[in-house]
Protein backbone atom coordinates (compact mmCIF):
# COMPACT_ATOMS: atom_id res chain seq x y z
CA UNK A 1 -0.21 0.06 0.34
CA UNK A 2 1.67 3.31 -0.98
CA UNK A 3 1.17 7.12 -0.47
CA UNK A 4 -1.49 7.12 -2.97
CA UNK A 5 -3.57 4.12 -1.73
CA UNK A 6 -3.83 5.69 1.59
CA UNK A 7 -5.24 9.27 0.51
CA UNK A 8 -7.80 6.94 -1.39
CA UNK A 9 -8.70 5.42 1.80
CA UNK A 10 -8.60 8.19 3.58
CA UNK A 11 -10.60 10.48 0.78
CA UNK A 12 -13.37 7.57 1.61
CA UNK A 13 -13.66 7.83 5.28
CA UNK A 14 -13.94 11.95 5.16
CA UNK A 15 -16.77 11.66 2.90
CA UNK A 16 -18.78 9.40 4.99
CA UNK A 17 -18.20 11.16 7.71
CA UNK A 18 -19.16 14.01 6.38
CA UNK A 19 -22.27 12.68 5.24
CA UNK A 20 -23.53 11.65 8.88
CA UNK A 21 -22.21 15.09 10.25
CA UNK A 22 -24.29 16.76 7.13
CA UNK A 23 -27.59 15.05 7.67
CA UNK A 24 -27.77 15.12 11.20
CA UNK A 25 -28.77 18.79 11.21
CA UNK A 26 -31.79 18.10 9.31
CA UNK A 27 -32.56 14.90 11.91
CA UNK A 28 -35.95 16.07 13.56
CA UNK A 29 -37.43 13.08 15.13
CA UNK A 30 -37.19 9.21 15.44
CA UNK A 31 -39.26 8.99 11.73
CA UNK A 32 -36.11 10.77 10.26
CA UNK A 33 -34.06 8.44 12.10
CA UNK A 34 -35.89 5.07 11.16
CA UNK A 35 -37.40 5.46 7.77
CA UNK A 36 -35.62 8.67 6.77
CA UNK A 37 -38.53 10.63 7.04
CA UNK A 38 -40.26 8.56 4.06
CA UNK A 39 -38.50 10.56 1.49
CA UNK A 40 -36.03 7.88 -0.02
CA UNK A 41 -35.57 7.81 -3.85
CA UNK A 42 -35.28 4.92 -6.42
CA UNK A 43 -31.23 5.67 -7.49
CA UNK A 44 -30.90 5.90 -3.52
CA UNK A 45 -32.80 2.67 -2.84
CA UNK A 46 -31.47 0.51 -5.42
CA UNK A 47 -28.14 1.72 -4.71
CA UNK A 48 -28.46 1.03 -0.89
CA UNK A 49 -30.09 -2.77 -1.19
CA UNK A 50 -26.79 -3.58 -2.92
CA UNK A 51 -24.77 -1.97 -0.81
CA UNK A 52 -26.09 -3.58 2.23
CA UNK A 53 -26.32 -7.07 0.87
CA UNK A 54 -22.47 -6.89 -0.30
CA UNK A 55 -20.04 -7.63 2.35
CA UNK A 56 -16.10 -7.70 2.64
CA UNK A 57 -17.02 -11.76 3.64
CA UNK A 58 -19.06 -11.62 0.10
CA UNK A 59 -16.08 -9.93 -1.98
CA UNK A 60 -13.46 -12.48 -0.82
CA UNK A 61 -15.81 -15.38 -0.25
CA UNK A 62 -17.47 -15.00 -4.18
CA UNK A 63 -13.61 -15.17 -5.73
CA UNK A 64 -12.83 -18.21 -3.13
CA UNK A 65 -15.73 -20.38 -4.39
CA UNK A 66 -15.34 -19.64 -7.67
CA UNK A 67 -11.44 -20.31 -7.40
CA UNK A 68 -12.22 -23.62 -5.19
CA UNK A 69 -15.73 -25.09 -6.94
CA UNK A 70 -16.40 -22.59 -9.93
CA UNK A 71 -19.33 -20.02 -10.59
CA UNK A 72 -22.68 -21.83 -9.13
CA UNK A 73 -22.01 -19.71 -5.91
CA UNK A 74 -22.97 -16.67 -8.38
CA UNK A 75 -26.50 -18.54 -7.92
CA UNK A 76 -27.59 -16.18 -4.91
CA UNK A 77 -26.78 -13.64 -6.61
CA UNK A 78 -29.07 -14.03 -9.73
CA UNK A 79 -31.69 -15.23 -7.30
CA UNK A 80 -31.76 -12.05 -5.70
CA UNK A 81 -32.61 -10.51 -8.73
CA UNK A 82 -35.62 -12.75 -9.45
CA UNK A 83 -36.86 -12.08 -6.09
CA UNK A 84 -36.46 -8.28 -6.27
CA UNK A 85 -38.47 -8.51 -9.66
CA UNK A 86 -41.55 -10.60 -7.78
CA UNK A 87 -41.30 -8.10 -4.68
CA UNK A 88 -41.86 -5.35 -6.80
CA UNK A 89 -44.74 -6.56 -7.86
CA UNK A 90 -46.64 -8.39 -5.09
CA UNK A 91 -44.74 -7.03 -1.80
CA UNK A 92 -44.07 -3.40 -2.30
CA UNK A 93 -47.88 -2.56 -2.71
CA UNK A 94 -48.79 -4.24 0.65
CA UNK A 95 -45.71 -2.83 3.11
CA UNK A 96 -46.49 0.94 1.62
CA UNK A 97 -50.19 0.83 1.78
CA UNK A 98 -50.29 -0.72 5.46
CA UNK A 99 -47.52 2.29 6.18
CA UNK A 100 -45.73 -0.27 8.37
CA UNK A 101 -42.27 0.73 10.26
CA UNK A 102 -41.10 -2.50 10.76
CA UNK A 103 -41.54 -6.22 8.78
CA UNK A 104 -42.76 -7.89 12.24
CA UNK A 105 -45.22 -4.99 12.45
CA UNK A 106 -46.97 -6.76 8.97
CA UNK A 107 -47.46 -9.55 11.06
CA UNK A 108 -49.59 -8.17 13.75
CA UNK A 109 -51.38 -6.66 11.41
CA UNK A 110 -52.69 -9.38 9.68
CA UNK A 111 -52.31 -12.06 12.50
CA UNK A 112 -51.42 -11.01 16.12
CA UNK A 113 -48.90 -9.55 18.30
CA UNK A 114 -47.52 -12.40 19.04
CA UNK A 115 -46.27 -13.49 15.97
CA UNK A 116 -44.61 -9.67 15.75
CA UNK A 117 -42.41 -10.13 18.77
CA UNK A 118 -41.62 -13.47 18.22
CA UNK A 119 -40.18 -12.95 15.03
CA UNK A 120 -38.80 -9.76 15.64
CA UNK A 121 -36.73 -11.02 18.71
CA UNK A 122 -35.72 -13.79 16.81
CA UNK A 123 -34.15 -11.01 13.96
CA UNK A 124 -32.87 -8.62 16.51
CA UNK A 125 -31.09 -11.86 18.26
CA UNK A 126 -29.93 -12.90 14.45
CA UNK A 127 -28.62 -9.08 13.30
CA UNK A 128 -26.55 -8.20 16.45
CA UNK A 129 -24.61 -11.70 16.88
CA UNK A 130 -24.56 -12.80 13.83
CA UNK A 131 -24.49 -10.34 11.39
CA UNK A 132 -23.08 -7.10 12.93
CA UNK A 133 -20.75 -8.91 14.74
CA UNK A 134 -19.86 -11.47 11.82
CA UNK A 135 -19.32 -8.52 9.41
CA UNK A 136 -17.23 -6.55 11.87
CA UNK A 137 -14.57 -10.14 12.35
CA UNK A 138 -14.79 -10.79 8.56
CA UNK A 139 -13.84 -7.20 8.18
CA UNK A 140 -11.10 -7.26 10.27
CA UNK A 141 -9.48 -10.55 8.71
CA UNK A 142 -9.90 -8.60 5.37
CA UNK A 143 -8.08 -5.85 6.44
CA UNK A 144 -5.36 -7.41 8.38
CA UNK A 145 -4.16 -8.71 4.57
CA UNK A 146 -3.07 -5.00 3.85
CA UNK A 147 -2.49 -3.72 7.33
CA UNK A 148 -0.55 -6.14 9.31
CA UNK A 149 0.12 -5.93 13.20
CA UNK A 150 -3.14 -4.55 14.01
CA UNK A 151 -5.16 -6.88 16.60
CA UNK A 152 -8.28 -8.06 15.36
CA UNK A 153 -10.24 -6.53 18.45
CA UNK A 154 -8.66 -3.38 17.03
CA UNK A 155 -10.17 -3.57 14.24
CA UNK A 156 -12.99 -4.52 15.36
CA UNK A 157 -13.75 -1.98 17.83
CA UNK A 158 -12.52 0.84 15.23
CA UNK A 159 -14.97 -0.60 12.45
CA UNK A 160 -17.69 -0.31 14.94
CA UNK A 161 -17.14 2.79 16.49
CA UNK A 162 -17.19 4.59 13.21
CA UNK A 163 -20.09 2.94 11.52
CA UNK A 164 -22.05 3.15 14.87
CA UNK A 165 -21.34 6.96 14.79
CA UNK A 166 -23.08 8.26 11.35
CA UNK A 167 -25.62 5.71 11.65
CA UNK A 168 -26.49 6.84 15.31
CA UNK A 169 -26.18 10.72 14.13
CA UNK A 170 -27.69 10.38 11.08
CA UNK A 171 -30.13 7.72 10.73
CA UNK A 172 -31.40 5.58 7.59
CA UNK A 173 -30.61 8.61 5.35
CA UNK A 174 -27.24 8.74 6.33
CA UNK A 175 -26.76 4.46 6.48
CA UNK A 176 -28.33 4.96 2.53
CA UNK A 177 -26.34 7.79 1.12
CA UNK A 178 -23.16 6.27 2.35
CA UNK A 179 -24.31 3.43 1.28
CA UNK A 180 -24.95 5.05 -2.22
CA UNK A 181 -21.64 6.21 -2.09
CA UNK A 182 -19.62 2.50 -1.00
CA UNK A 183 -21.89 0.98 -4.08
CA UNK A 184 -20.37 3.30 -6.56
CA UNK A 185 -17.40 2.23 -4.68
CA UNK A 186 -17.70 -1.12 -4.63
CA UNK A 187 -18.75 -1.34 -8.49
CA UNK A 188 -16.22 0.70 -9.73
CA UNK A 189 -13.41 -0.90 -8.01
CA UNK A 190 -14.42 -4.24 -8.74
CA UNK A 191 -15.22 -3.81 -12.08
CA UNK A 192 -11.80 -2.25 -12.97
CA UNK A 193 -9.65 -5.15 -11.36
CA UNK A 194 -12.30 -7.38 -13.28
CA UNK A 195 -10.68 -5.90 -16.18
CA UNK A 196 -7.23 -6.10 -15.35
CA UNK A 197 -7.15 -9.47 -14.36
CA UNK A 198 -9.12 -10.43 -17.72
CA UNK A 199 -6.45 -8.54 -19.45
CA UNK A 200 -3.33 -10.63 -17.52
CA UNK A 201 -5.23 -13.98 -19.58
CA UNK A 202 -5.09 -11.79 -22.98
CA UNK A 203 -9.41 -11.32 -22.83
CA UNK A 204 -9.22 -15.50 -23.87
CA UNK A 205 -12.29 -17.26 -22.61
CA UNK A 206 -11.11 -20.37 -24.61
CA UNK A 207 -8.02 -20.19 -22.26
CA UNK A 208 -10.39 -19.99 -19.12
CA UNK A 209 -12.39 -22.61 -20.27
CA UNK A 210 -9.36 -25.12 -21.49
CA UNK A 211 -7.74 -24.43 -17.91
CA UNK A 212 -10.77 -25.47 -15.78
CA UNK A 213 -13.31 -28.54 -15.50
CA UNK A 214 -16.76 -27.87 -17.63
CA UNK A 215 -19.09 -27.68 -14.37
CA UNK A 216 -16.48 -25.19 -13.02
CA UNK A 217 -18.41 -22.85 -15.66
CA UNK A 218 -21.85 -23.84 -14.67
CA UNK A 219 -24.37 -22.56 -12.99
CA UNK A 220 -26.29 -25.75 -12.08
CA UNK A 221 -24.39 -28.59 -10.46
CA UNK A 222 -25.30 -32.67 -9.86
CA UNK A 223 -27.84 -33.08 -7.12
CA UNK A 224 -25.06 -34.98 -5.23
CA UNK A 225 -22.83 -31.34 -5.38
CA UNK A 226 -21.69 -30.61 -1.66
CA UNK A 227 -21.62 -26.77 -2.36
CA UNK A 228 -24.84 -25.78 -4.87
CA UNK A 229 -26.98 -28.81 -5.58
CA UNK A 230 -29.30 -28.16 -8.65
CA UNK A 231 -32.13 -28.87 -6.54
CA UNK A 232 -31.35 -26.61 -3.96
CA UNK A 233 -30.63 -23.63 -6.43
CA UNK A 234 -34.26 -24.08 -7.51
CA UNK A 235 -36.04 -25.35 -4.20
CA UNK A 236 -34.41 -23.35 -1.24
CA UNK A 237 -32.33 -20.67 -2.35
CA UNK A 238 -36.14 -19.15 -3.66
CA UNK A 239 -37.39 -19.61 0.00
CA UNK A 240 -33.90 -17.86 1.79
CA UNK A 241 -34.24 -15.16 -0.84
CA UNK A 242 -37.88 -14.27 -0.39
CA UNK A 243 -37.05 -13.79 3.24
CA UNK A 244 -33.76 -12.09 2.91
CA UNK A 245 -35.30 -9.09 0.50
CA UNK A 246 -38.56 -9.67 1.30
CA UNK A 247 -38.80 -9.54 4.90
CA UNK A 248 -35.51 -8.61 6.64
CA UNK A 249 -35.73 -5.38 8.38
CA UNK A 250 -32.51 -4.41 7.43
CA UNK A 251 -33.07 -4.89 3.69
CA UNK A 252 -36.69 -3.97 3.45
CA UNK A 253 -36.16 -0.87 5.57
CA UNK A 254 -35.04 1.12 2.54
CA UNK A 255 -38.37 0.19 0.63
CA UNK A 256 -40.54 1.23 3.86
CA UNK A 257 -38.54 4.56 3.63
CA UNK A 258 -39.39 5.32 -0.38
CA UNK A 259 -41.40 8.46 -0.95
CA UNK A 260 -44.04 6.25 -3.11
CA UNK A 261 -44.27 3.17 -4.61
CA UNK A 262 -43.29 4.16 -7.79
CA UNK A 263 -39.71 4.87 -6.47
CA UNK A 264 -39.80 1.90 -4.21
CA UNK A 265 -40.41 -0.10 -7.36
CA UNK A 266 -37.96 1.66 -9.35
CA UNK A 267 -35.27 0.96 -6.56
CA UNK A 268 -36.02 -2.39 -6.18
CA UNK A 269 -35.55 -3.14 -9.87
CA UNK A 270 -32.68 -1.11 -9.90
CA UNK A 271 -30.99 -3.38 -6.85
CA UNK A 272 -31.94 -6.02 -9.23
CA UNK A 273 -30.16 -5.63 -11.80
CA UNK A 274 -27.04 -4.24 -9.96
CA UNK A 275 -27.43 -8.41 -8.24
CA UNK A 276 -26.50 -9.34 -11.86
CA UNK A 277 -23.45 -7.58 -11.87
CA UNK A 278 -21.36 -9.82 -9.20
CA UNK A 279 -21.11 -12.44 -11.25
CA UNK A 280 -18.90 -11.15 -13.96
CA UNK A 281 -16.79 -8.59 -11.42
CA UNK A 282 -16.58 -10.67 -7.68
CA UNK A 283 -16.91 -14.65 -9.06
CA UNK A 284 -15.30 -14.90 -12.66
CA UNK A 285 -12.53 -12.93 -11.05
CA UNK A 286 -11.81 -16.33 -9.14
CA UNK A 287 -11.80 -18.28 -11.90
CA UNK A 288 -9.66 -16.02 -13.66
CA UNK A 289 -7.14 -16.23 -11.01
CA UNK A 290 -6.55 -20.43 -11.43
CA UNK A 291 -4.52 -19.72 -14.39
CA UNK A 292 -2.43 -16.72 -12.74
CA UNK A 293 -2.04 -18.13 -9.55
CA UNK A 294 -3.07 -21.93 -9.99
CA UNK A 295 -1.60 -23.14 -6.23
CA UNK A 296 -2.89 -20.86 -3.73
CA UNK A 297 -3.99 -22.87 -0.68
CA UNK A 298 -6.15 -20.75 0.87
CA UNK A 299 -9.04 -19.44 -1.22
CA UNK A 300 -9.76 -16.77 1.08
CA UNK A 301 -6.65 -15.28 -0.42
CA UNK A 302 -7.47 -14.95 -3.81
CA UNK A 303 -9.01 -11.66 -3.83
CA UNK A 304 -6.55 -10.05 -1.89
CA UNK A 305 -3.87 -11.46 -3.91
CA UNK A 306 -5.67 -10.40 -7.06
CA UNK A 307 -5.64 -6.90 -5.44
CA UNK A 308 -1.70 -6.80 -4.34
CA UNK A 309 -0.46 -8.35 -7.20
CA UNK A 310 -2.50 -6.82 -10.79
CA UNK A 311 -3.42 -3.38 -9.36
CA UNK A 312 -1.09 -0.60 -10.08
CA UNK A 313 -0.53 1.98 -7.09
CA UNK A 314 -3.68 3.75 -6.23
CA UNK A 315 -5.90 1.44 -7.76
CA UNK A 316 -5.45 -0.76 -4.70
CA UNK A 317 -6.35 1.58 -2.66
CA UNK A 318 -9.41 2.31 -4.39
CA UNK A 319 -10.49 -1.65 -4.26
CA UNK A 320 -9.75 -1.86 -0.35
CA UNK A 321 -11.66 1.00 0.07
CA UNK A 322 -14.45 -0.97 -1.91
CA UNK A 323 -13.45 -3.63 0.84
CA UNK A 324 -14.44 -1.10 3.53
CA UNK A 325 -17.06 -0.02 1.89
CA UNK A 326 -18.62 -3.42 1.73
CA UNK A 327 -17.51 -4.04 5.74
CA UNK A 328 -19.60 -0.32 6.60
CA UNK A 329 -22.35 -1.04 4.69
CA UNK A 330 -23.25 -4.17 5.97
CA UNK A 331 -22.88 -3.04 9.59
CA UNK A 332 -24.33 0.43 9.29
CA UNK A 333 -27.73 -1.68 7.99
CA UNK A 334 -27.74 -3.89 10.42
CA UNK A 335 -27.40 -1.49 13.33
CA UNK A 336 -29.95 0.99 12.00
CA UNK A 337 -32.66 -2.01 11.60
CA UNK A 338 -32.21 -3.50 14.90
CA UNK A 339 -32.51 -0.69 17.16
CA UNK A 340 -35.79 -0.05 14.81
CA UNK A 341 -37.01 -3.25 15.50
CA UNK A 342 -36.48 -2.78 19.73
CA UNK A 343 -38.08 0.54 19.22
CA UNK A 344 -40.98 0.20 17.33
CA UNK A 345 -42.22 -3.68 18.02
CA UNK A 346 -41.04 -3.43 21.52
CA UNK A 347 -41.06 -0.36 23.60
CA UNK A 348 -43.44 2.26 21.35
CA UNK A 349 -46.44 0.11 21.77
CA UNK A 350 -46.00 0.31 25.51
CA UNK A 351 -45.18 3.92 25.82
CA UNK A 352 -47.41 5.63 22.98
CA UNK A 353 -46.42 9.26 24.49
CA UNK A 354 -43.00 8.88 23.52
CA UNK A 355 -42.32 12.18 21.57
CA UNK A 356 -40.22 12.73 18.32
CA UNK A 357 -37.44 13.91 19.78
CA UNK A 358 -37.62 11.46 22.73
CA UNK A 359 -37.82 8.48 20.14
CA UNK A 360 -34.54 10.25 18.41
CA UNK A 361 -32.49 10.00 21.11
CA UNK A 362 -33.91 6.44 22.45
CA UNK A 363 -32.93 5.09 18.74
CA UNK A 364 -29.44 6.73 18.93
CA UNK A 365 -29.05 5.47 22.07
CA UNK A 366 -29.99 2.06 20.86
CA UNK A 367 -27.68 1.98 17.94
CA UNK A 368 -24.59 2.94 20.75
CA UNK A 369 -25.55 0.00 22.35
CA UNK A 370 -26.01 -2.77 19.86
CA UNK A 371 -22.90 -0.72 18.16
CA UNK A 372 -20.88 -1.92 21.82
CA UNK A 373 -22.73 -5.48 21.67
CA UNK A 374 -21.16 -6.17 18.35
CA UNK A 375 -17.67 -4.98 18.95
CA UNK A 376 -17.35 -6.86 22.03
CA UNK A 377 -18.79 -10.37 20.70
CA UNK A 378 -16.85 -9.96 17.18
CA UNK A 379 -13.37 -10.97 18.15
CA UNK A 380 -14.71 -13.84 20.20
CA UNK A 381 -15.73 -15.51 16.82
CA UNK A 382 -12.87 -16.40 15.60
CA UNK A 383 -12.63 -19.05 18.71
CA UNK A 384 -15.81 -20.81 17.96
CA UNK A 385 -13.99 -22.74 15.43
CA UNK A 386 -17.36 -24.39 12.89
CA UNK A 387 -19.76 -22.68 15.67
CA UNK A 388 -20.29 -19.56 13.73
CA UNK A 389 -20.56 -21.46 10.21
CA UNK A 390 -23.56 -23.48 11.96
CA UNK A 391 -25.02 -20.36 13.03
CA UNK A 392 -25.21 -19.26 9.52
CA UNK A 393 -26.54 -22.32 8.98
CA UNK A 394 -28.97 -21.63 11.25
CA UNK A 395 -30.73 -19.28 8.48
CA UNK A 396 -32.10 -22.25 6.60
CA UNK A 397 -33.74 -23.46 10.10
CA UNK A 398 -35.33 -20.30 10.97
CA UNK A 399 -36.51 -18.76 7.66
CA UNK A 400 -39.31 -21.37 5.94
CA UNK A 401 -41.80 -20.86 8.70
CA UNK A 402 -41.29 -17.25 8.11
CA UNK A 403 -41.43 -17.34 4.50
CA UNK A 404 -44.45 -19.54 4.90
CA UNK A 405 -46.57 -16.98 7.09
CA UNK A 406 -45.75 -13.83 5.17
CA UNK A 407 -46.55 -15.45 1.87
CA UNK A 408 -50.00 -16.86 3.10
CA UNK A 409 -50.69 -13.66 5.36
CA UNK A 410 -50.28 -11.58 1.93
CA UNK A 411 -51.86 -13.72 -0.82
CA UNK A 412 -54.73 -15.48 1.26
CA UNK A 413 -56.95 -14.90 4.16
CA UNK A 414 -56.74 -18.32 5.59
CA UNK A 415 -55.34 -18.34 8.61
CA UNK A 416 -55.37 -16.46 11.77
CA UNK A 417 -52.81 -15.46 14.94
CA UNK A 418 -52.80 -18.60 16.83
CA UNK A 419 -51.90 -20.48 13.54
CA UNK A 420 -49.24 -18.62 12.60
CA UNK A 421 -47.42 -18.78 15.80
CA UNK A 422 -48.40 -22.36 15.60
CA UNK A 423 -46.32 -22.61 12.20
CA UNK A 424 -43.51 -20.42 13.29
CA UNK A 425 -42.79 -23.04 16.47
CA UNK A 426 -43.63 -26.41 13.97
CA UNK A 427 -41.05 -25.05 11.39
CA UNK A 428 -38.43 -24.03 13.54
CA UNK A 429 -38.42 -27.29 15.67
CA UNK A 430 -38.57 -29.19 12.06
CA UNK A 431 -35.56 -27.31 11.00
CA UNK A 432 -33.85 -27.67 14.25
CA UNK A 433 -34.55 -31.26 13.40
CA UNK A 434 -33.10 -31.57 9.97
CA UNK A 435 -29.87 -29.65 11.29
CA UNK A 436 -29.31 -32.08 14.18
CA UNK A 437 -29.59 -35.44 12.11
CA UNK A 438 -27.46 -33.85 9.43
CA UNK A 439 -24.81 -33.11 11.75
CA UNK A 440 -25.04 -36.53 13.42
CA UNK A 441 -24.83 -37.82 9.86
CA UNK A 442 -28.19 -39.42 10.25
CA UNK A 443 -29.35 -37.45 7.19
CA UNK A 444 -26.82 -36.29 4.21
CA UNK A 445 -29.18 -33.08 2.86
CA UNK A 446 -27.63 -30.23 1.49
CA UNK A 447 -28.80 -27.13 4.07
CA UNK A 448 -30.44 -25.50 0.97
CA UNK A 449 -32.26 -28.45 -0.21
CA UNK A 450 -33.39 -29.21 3.55
CA UNK A 451 -35.06 -25.44 3.48
CA UNK A 452 -37.06 -26.57 0.73
CA UNK A 453 -38.31 -29.25 2.21
CA UNK A 454 -39.11 -27.94 5.36
CA UNK A 455 -40.84 -24.70 3.82
CA UNK A 456 -43.38 -27.72 1.91
CA UNK A 457 -44.15 -29.20 4.79
CA UNK A 458 -44.80 -26.31 6.66
CA UNK A 459 -46.57 -24.99 3.88
CA UNK A 460 -48.99 -28.04 4.00
CA UNK A 461 -49.18 -27.66 7.54
CA UNK A 462 -50.47 -24.24 7.23
CA UNK A 463 -52.79 -25.27 5.06
CA UNK A 464 -54.19 -28.19 6.61
CA UNK A 465 -54.61 -26.96 10.12
CA UNK A 466 -55.98 -23.47 8.28
CA UNK A 467 -58.62 -24.63 6.35
CA UNK A 468 -61.34 -23.33 9.14
CA UNK A 469 -59.07 -20.77 10.67
CA UNK A 470 -60.04 -17.63 8.57
CA UNK A 471 -58.42 -14.36 9.27
CA UNK A 472 -60.55 -11.09 10.74
CA UNK A 473 -58.64 -8.67 8.20
CA UNK A 474 -56.83 -9.71 5.40
CA UNK A 475 -53.63 -8.10 3.08
CA UNK A 476 -54.45 -9.99 -0.29
CA UNK A 477 -53.21 -8.68 -3.06
CA UNK A 478 -55.45 -6.94 -5.81
CA UNK A 479 -55.01 -6.53 -9.48
CA UNK A 480 -55.06 -2.95 -9.17
CA UNK A 481 -52.38 -3.23 -6.46
CA UNK A 482 -49.74 -4.21 -9.67
CA UNK A 483 -50.99 -1.68 -11.74
CA UNK A 484 -48.56 1.06 -12.30
CA UNK A 485 -49.23 4.72 -10.80
CA UNK A 486 -51.51 6.42 -13.46
CA UNK A 487 -49.91 8.90 -16.08
CA UNK A 488 -46.55 7.52 -16.10
CA UNK A 489 -45.11 7.08 -19.96
CA UNK A 490 -44.01 3.24 -20.99
CA UNK A 491 -40.73 3.60 -20.61
CA UNK A 492 -41.37 4.85 -16.64
CA UNK A 493 -43.28 1.44 -16.26
CA UNK A 494 -41.98 -0.59 -13.70
CA UNK A 495 -43.18 -3.48 -15.49
CA UNK A 496 -41.25 -2.57 -18.62
CA UNK A 497 -37.73 -2.70 -16.80
CA UNK A 498 -39.07 -5.99 -15.10
CA UNK A 499 -39.18 -7.55 -18.10
CA UNK A 500 -35.69 -6.56 -19.34
CA UNK A 501 -33.94 -7.64 -16.47
CA UNK A 502 -36.00 -11.09 -16.75
CA UNK A 503 -34.84 -11.37 -20.04
CA UNK A 504 -31.10 -10.30 -19.26
CA UNK A 505 -31.43 -13.08 -16.59
CA UNK A 506 -32.42 -15.48 -19.15
CA UNK A 507 -29.71 -15.06 -21.06
CA UNK A 508 -27.18 -15.38 -18.18
CA UNK A 509 -28.64 -18.59 -17.21
CA UNK A 510 -29.06 -20.47 -20.83
CA UNK A 511 -25.46 -19.29 -21.67
CA UNK A 512 -23.86 -20.70 -17.95
CA UNK A 513 -26.17 -23.89 -17.93
């Protein structure tokens, strides 16, 4: 790292800090902190969706997995585009029409408060101890490669303090605006790196094909593949994707903060388009690296090695700034969403006389508290060995019944409060049974396939026991909800752009089948 590289990184930190301070001047109440005053435009939403999803472990992990097992790891990326298109049609109208602040609030509107608190509590736990702390730890490991000599805990504390500061003082608007800068940094840095790496192999796709096995360049792998079986891609990933993009507070909070349904839909579709890019800028470089560095033992070193060996002076700092941006954009999102869930799901419903200024201060205090918890827990993740990997697989346990009650709650009138809570408990016990059976080697089922099986059983449970159990209220989708806002030109019709994205996705899948 040269002087110019350090300047690029310093400039990034200065811009992010300035945005947080600038936005804090216009903060008036809790609504500004949690939902940016419901004023977000589509560009800010789309880039923030992309940046919040891309973490340092994503950038390093995608390239490393592509190096060892092939491009099928990109299935998580293109599946996100498909889910975001679906969300723009069917979920966004319900989110904005009901004027909710948190996704668990939707469960109370449709079912009852018990389901809301149960799901909110689980989300808060995972957000702080898995997402935020995990993001800090993975980011610290990545930065140690470029700046050795600094302890993991010091990195964790420093990253948490910086992200927590501008998140607490600027709220969701600071998160989204800094995400916009971070997304641009991520995209520019990764595109430049991909171009230069491809240049190193003479821009020859034929040489890439000759250097790897055919399945290395296929998105769909055999059903017994231990990393990404095709059945898991088609059955389990849509379930995990729907939960992550449509019911996960730290992602959908941007949609809830949109100024209107048109901007929310355009933002979701921009995010869908951007999720098609990592296949080319984060996954394929890992495949290219096989020719350039064929003997790397640690796949996590693929992306850092490309940065250190390929990029010229100055550009290394840009890409490392993108890596830091990935850390920040994930951490700030989880901190903001966790504070929103605690206050809006647990505190405000019980104490309804809390004013705007007081809710702002309480939100900032919650953000700082969660920042300290995550920073304190993050350094210990490295001592947990395989436990942290198991925690990541916990999503496959927790997600299926959540997806079932959201889908059934939005699209049907069948089922009410007690059934929703029973489905959550049943699904989580069933998912836990699958997990334990796999660990004890009683079963050998990939977790994505297990998620698909559990979801299917949970749907059956809900349908059987909800046959004579009809909700008093409904949030069913109607045809008018799907229609675009009147008076828009054809090129402004979200359905046109959704079709374009689906055609691009179909082309990619056909070429890389």
